[in-house]
Every structure is written in structure tokens, then in C-alpha cells.
Amino acid sequence: MNGELRPLDDFEAPFGKRVELFEVTLENDVRLLRVRIREGTRFTTLDLDPVTARRWGKDLSDWAQVVDGPSSK
């Protein structure tokens, strides 16, 4: 799937992994969130629509709050 990439974030994760986030805009103006997880020379790429990204984001946030307590932000 090709399209225009706009970098959003790039950060280290545990165990030598790197997470990269991009906004992908396709020819028909469809926008997706691309999540790329790198581990050495291997990587996994997921393209998420807004509904899926929102659900995943909520699940991640809910889990972190249970494990680590409320954010100080």
C-alpha cells in the first residue's frame, strides 16, 4: 500500500524494539495510522483506520492505568 507518509512519532520500546508512527494519506484522500515496530532487521507494519486506532488506543491507555496508576498529565 503506497501513499504519502508523514512521521508522527518515533521512540524506543522495551527489549530493543523501536516504534515508529506515521500518517499515511492514500490517493483517494483516505488517511490511516501506520504503526511500524522494528526489532533489529525485522519489522511489523500495521495500517489502522481511525475506528481501530481509537479502540486500540483506549485499550492501551486502560491497561496502563490499571498497571501503573493514573497519569500525572
N, C-alpha and C. Protein backbone atom coordinates (compact mmCIF):
# COMPACT_ATOMS: atom_id res chain seq x y z
N MET A 1 0.85 -1.17 0.00
CA MET A 1 0.00 0.00 0.00
C MET A 1 0.90 1.23 0.00
N ASN A 2 0.84 1.98 -1.07
CA ASN A 2 1.65 3.19 -1.18
C ASN A 2 0.82 4.39 -0.77
N GLY A 3 1.49 5.50 -0.56
CA GLY A 3 0.82 6.73 -0.18
C GLY A 3 1.85 7.69 0.38
N GLU A 4 1.39 8.88 0.70
CA GLU A 4 2.26 9.89 1.29
C GLU A 4 2.38 9.63 2.79
N LEU A 5 3.63 9.59 3.28
CA LEU A 5 3.89 9.33 4.71
C LEU A 5 4.26 10.63 5.42
N ARG A 6 3.65 10.84 6.59
CA ARG A 6 4.03 11.96 7.44
C ARG A 6 4.40 11.39 8.80
N PRO A 7 5.68 11.53 9.21
CA PRO A 7 6.10 11.00 10.52
C PRO A 7 5.35 11.68 11.66
N LEU A 8 4.93 10.89 12.65
CA LEU A 8 4.24 11.42 13.83
C LEU A 8 5.06 11.24 15.10
N ASP A 9 5.67 10.08 15.26
CA ASP A 9 6.46 9.81 16.47
C ASP A 9 7.40 8.65 16.19
N ASP A 10 8.43 8.54 17.03
CA ASP A 10 9.46 7.52 16.87
C ASP A 10 10.09 7.37 18.25
N PHE A 11 9.99 6.16 18.85
CA PHE A 11 10.51 6.01 20.20
C PHE A 11 10.97 4.58 20.46
N GLU A 12 11.82 4.44 21.46
CA GLU A 12 12.32 3.13 21.89
C GLU A 12 11.27 2.44 22.74
N ALA A 13 11.19 1.13 22.60
CA ALA A 13 10.32 0.30 23.42
C ALA A 13 11.21 -0.74 24.11
N PRO A 14 10.68 -1.44 25.11
CA PRO A 14 11.49 -2.44 25.80
C PRO A 14 12.02 -3.52 24.87
N PHE A 15 13.12 -4.13 25.32
CA PHE A 15 13.73 -5.29 24.67
C PHE A 15 14.25 -5.00 23.27
N GLY A 16 14.81 -3.81 23.08
CA GLY A 16 15.48 -3.47 21.82
C GLY A 16 14.56 -3.20 20.65
N LYS A 17 13.32 -2.88 20.93
CA LYS A 17 12.37 -2.58 19.86
C LYS A 17 12.25 -1.06 19.67
N ARG A 18 11.84 -0.67 18.48
CA ARG A 18 11.62 0.74 18.16
C ARG A 18 10.23 0.84 17.53
N VAL A 19 9.46 1.83 17.95
CA VAL A 19 8.11 2.06 17.43
C VAL A 19 8.12 3.35 16.63
N GLU A 20 7.61 3.27 15.41
CA GLU A 20 7.50 4.45 14.54
C GLU A 20 6.04 4.61 14.15
N LEU A 21 5.53 5.84 14.24
CA LEU A 21 4.15 6.14 13.86
C LEU A 21 4.14 7.13 12.71
N PHE A 22 3.30 6.86 11.73
CA PHE A 22 3.17 7.72 10.55
C PHE A 22 1.70 7.90 10.22
N GLU A 23 1.38 9.04 9.63
CA GLU A 23 0.08 9.18 8.99
C GLU A 23 0.28 8.88 7.51
N VAL A 24 -0.53 7.99 6.96
CA VAL A 24 -0.46 7.64 5.55
C VAL A 24 -1.69 8.24 4.87
N THR A 25 -1.46 9.01 3.80
CA THR A 25 -2.57 9.53 3.00
C THR A 25 -2.52 8.85 1.64
N LEU A 26 -3.59 8.14 1.32
CA LEU A 26 -3.68 7.43 0.06
C LEU A 26 -4.22 8.33 -1.04
N GLU A 27 -4.17 7.85 -2.27
CA GLU A 27 -4.58 8.64 -3.43
C GLU A 27 -5.99 9.21 -3.29
N ASN A 28 -6.91 8.45 -2.74
CA ASN A 28 -8.30 8.90 -2.63
C ASN A 28 -8.56 9.66 -1.32
N ASP A 29 -7.50 10.22 -0.73
CA ASP A 29 -7.54 11.03 0.50
C ASP A 29 -7.96 10.23 1.74
N VAL A 30 -7.81 8.91 1.69
CA VAL A 30 -8.03 8.09 2.87
C VAL A 30 -6.79 8.21 3.74
N ARG A 31 -7.00 8.47 5.04
CA ARG A 31 -5.86 8.59 5.96
C ARG A 31 -5.87 7.44 6.95
N LEU A 32 -4.69 6.85 7.15
CA LEU A 32 -4.51 5.74 8.07
C LEU A 32 -3.35 6.03 9.00
N LEU A 33 -3.34 5.37 10.14
CA LEU A 33 -2.21 5.43 11.06
C LEU A 33 -1.35 4.20 10.80
N ARG A 34 -0.10 4.40 10.43
CA ARG A 34 0.82 3.29 10.21
C ARG A 34 1.68 3.13 11.47
N VAL A 35 1.66 1.94 12.03
CA VAL A 35 2.47 1.59 13.19
C VAL A 35 3.53 0.61 12.70
N ARG A 36 4.79 0.98 12.86
CA ARG A 36 5.88 0.09 12.46
C ARG A 36 6.68 -0.24 13.71
N ILE A 37 6.84 -1.53 13.99
CA ILE A 37 7.61 -1.99 15.14
C ILE A 37 8.84 -2.69 14.59
N ARG A 38 10.01 -2.15 14.94
CA ARG A 38 11.28 -2.70 14.45
C ARG A 38 11.99 -3.46 15.58
N GLU A 39 12.57 -4.58 15.19
CA GLU A 39 13.39 -5.37 16.11
C GLU A 39 14.58 -5.86 15.30
N GLY A 40 15.68 -5.13 15.41
CA GLY A 40 16.84 -5.44 14.58
C GLY A 40 16.50 -5.17 13.12
N THR A 41 16.68 -6.18 12.27
CA THR A 41 16.35 -6.01 10.85
C THR A 41 14.92 -6.45 10.53
N ARG A 42 14.23 -7.00 11.50
CA ARG A 42 12.83 -7.42 11.30
C ARG A 42 11.90 -6.30 11.68
N PHE A 43 10.76 -6.22 10.99
CA PHE A 43 9.77 -5.23 11.39
C PHE A 43 8.37 -5.72 11.04
N THR A 44 7.41 -5.18 11.79
CA THR A 44 6.00 -5.45 11.57
C THR A 44 5.33 -4.11 11.31
N THR A 45 4.48 -4.06 10.30
CA THR A 45 3.76 -2.83 9.97
C THR A 45 2.27 -3.09 10.00
N LEU A 46 1.55 -2.20 10.70
CA LEU A 46 0.09 -2.26 10.76
C LEU A 46 -0.47 -0.93 10.27
N ASP A 47 -1.45 -0.95 9.39
CA ASP A 47 -2.16 0.25 8.97
C ASP A 47 -3.53 0.22 9.61
N LEU A 48 -3.84 1.26 10.39
CA LEU A 48 -5.08 1.31 11.16
C LEU A 48 -5.98 2.44 10.69
N ASP A 49 -7.27 2.15 10.59
CA ASP A 49 -8.25 3.20 10.33
C ASP A 49 -8.54 3.91 11.65
N PRO A 50 -9.21 5.07 11.61
CA PRO A 50 -9.46 5.82 12.85
C PRO A 50 -10.24 5.04 13.90
N VAL A 51 -11.22 4.24 13.50
CA VAL A 51 -12.01 3.47 14.47
C VAL A 51 -11.13 2.47 15.19
N THR A 52 -10.30 1.74 14.45
CA THR A 52 -9.42 0.74 15.06
C THR A 52 -8.36 1.41 15.93
N ALA A 53 -7.79 2.52 15.46
CA ALA A 53 -6.77 3.24 16.23
C ALA A 53 -7.35 3.74 17.56
N ARG A 54 -8.57 4.27 17.51
CA ARG A 54 -9.21 4.77 18.74
C ARG A 54 -9.43 3.64 19.73
N ARG A 55 -9.91 2.50 19.24
CA ARG A 55 -10.16 1.36 20.14
C ARG A 55 -8.86 0.85 20.74
N TRP A 56 -7.83 0.69 19.91
CA TRP A 56 -6.54 0.20 20.38
C TRP A 56 -5.95 1.18 21.38
N GLY A 57 -6.03 2.47 21.07
CA GLY A 57 -5.51 3.49 21.97
C GLY A 57 -6.19 3.46 23.33
N LYS A 58 -7.51 3.30 23.33
CA LYS A 58 -8.25 3.22 24.59
C LYS A 58 -7.83 1.98 25.37
N ASP A 59 -7.73 0.84 24.69
CA ASP A 59 -7.31 -0.39 25.37
C ASP A 59 -5.92 -0.25 25.98
N LEU A 60 -4.99 0.37 25.24
CA LEU A 60 -3.64 0.59 25.76
C LEU A 60 -3.66 1.50 26.98
N SER A 61 -4.41 2.59 26.89
CA SER A 61 -4.50 3.54 27.99
C SER A 61 -5.15 2.91 29.22
N ASP A 62 -6.24 2.16 29.01
CA ASP A 62 -6.91 1.49 30.14
C ASP A 62 -5.97 0.51 30.83
N TRP A 63 -5.23 -0.27 30.05
CA TRP A 63 -4.30 -1.24 30.63
C TRP A 63 -3.21 -0.52 31.44
N ALA A 64 -2.62 0.53 30.88
CA ALA A 64 -1.55 1.26 31.56
C ALA A 64 -2.04 1.87 32.86
N GLN A 65 -3.27 2.36 32.87
CA GLN A 65 -3.82 2.95 34.09
C GLN A 65 -4.00 1.90 35.18
N VAL A 66 -4.42 0.70 34.81
CA VAL A 66 -4.59 -0.38 35.79
C VAL A 66 -3.24 -0.81 36.34
N VAL A 67 -2.24 -0.96 35.47
CA VAL A 67 -0.94 -1.47 35.88
C VAL A 67 -0.09 -0.42 36.58
N ASP A 68 -0.15 0.81 36.08
CA ASP A 68 0.78 1.85 36.55
C ASP A 68 0.09 3.00 37.28
N GLY A 69 -1.22 3.00 37.37
CA GLY A 69 -1.95 4.06 38.03
C GLY A 69 -2.24 5.21 37.07
N PRO A 70 -3.08 6.16 37.51
CA PRO A 70 -3.44 7.30 36.66
C PRO A 70 -2.23 8.13 36.25
N SER A 71 -2.30 8.69 35.06
CA SER A 71 -1.24 9.57 34.54
C SER A 71 -1.20 10.85 35.35
N SER A 72 -0.02 11.43 35.44
CA SER A 72 0.12 12.72 36.14
C SER A 72 -0.18 13.89 35.23
N LYS A 73 -0.51 13.62 33.96
CA LYS A 73 -0.80 14.69 32.99
C LYS A 73 -2.23 15.16 33.11
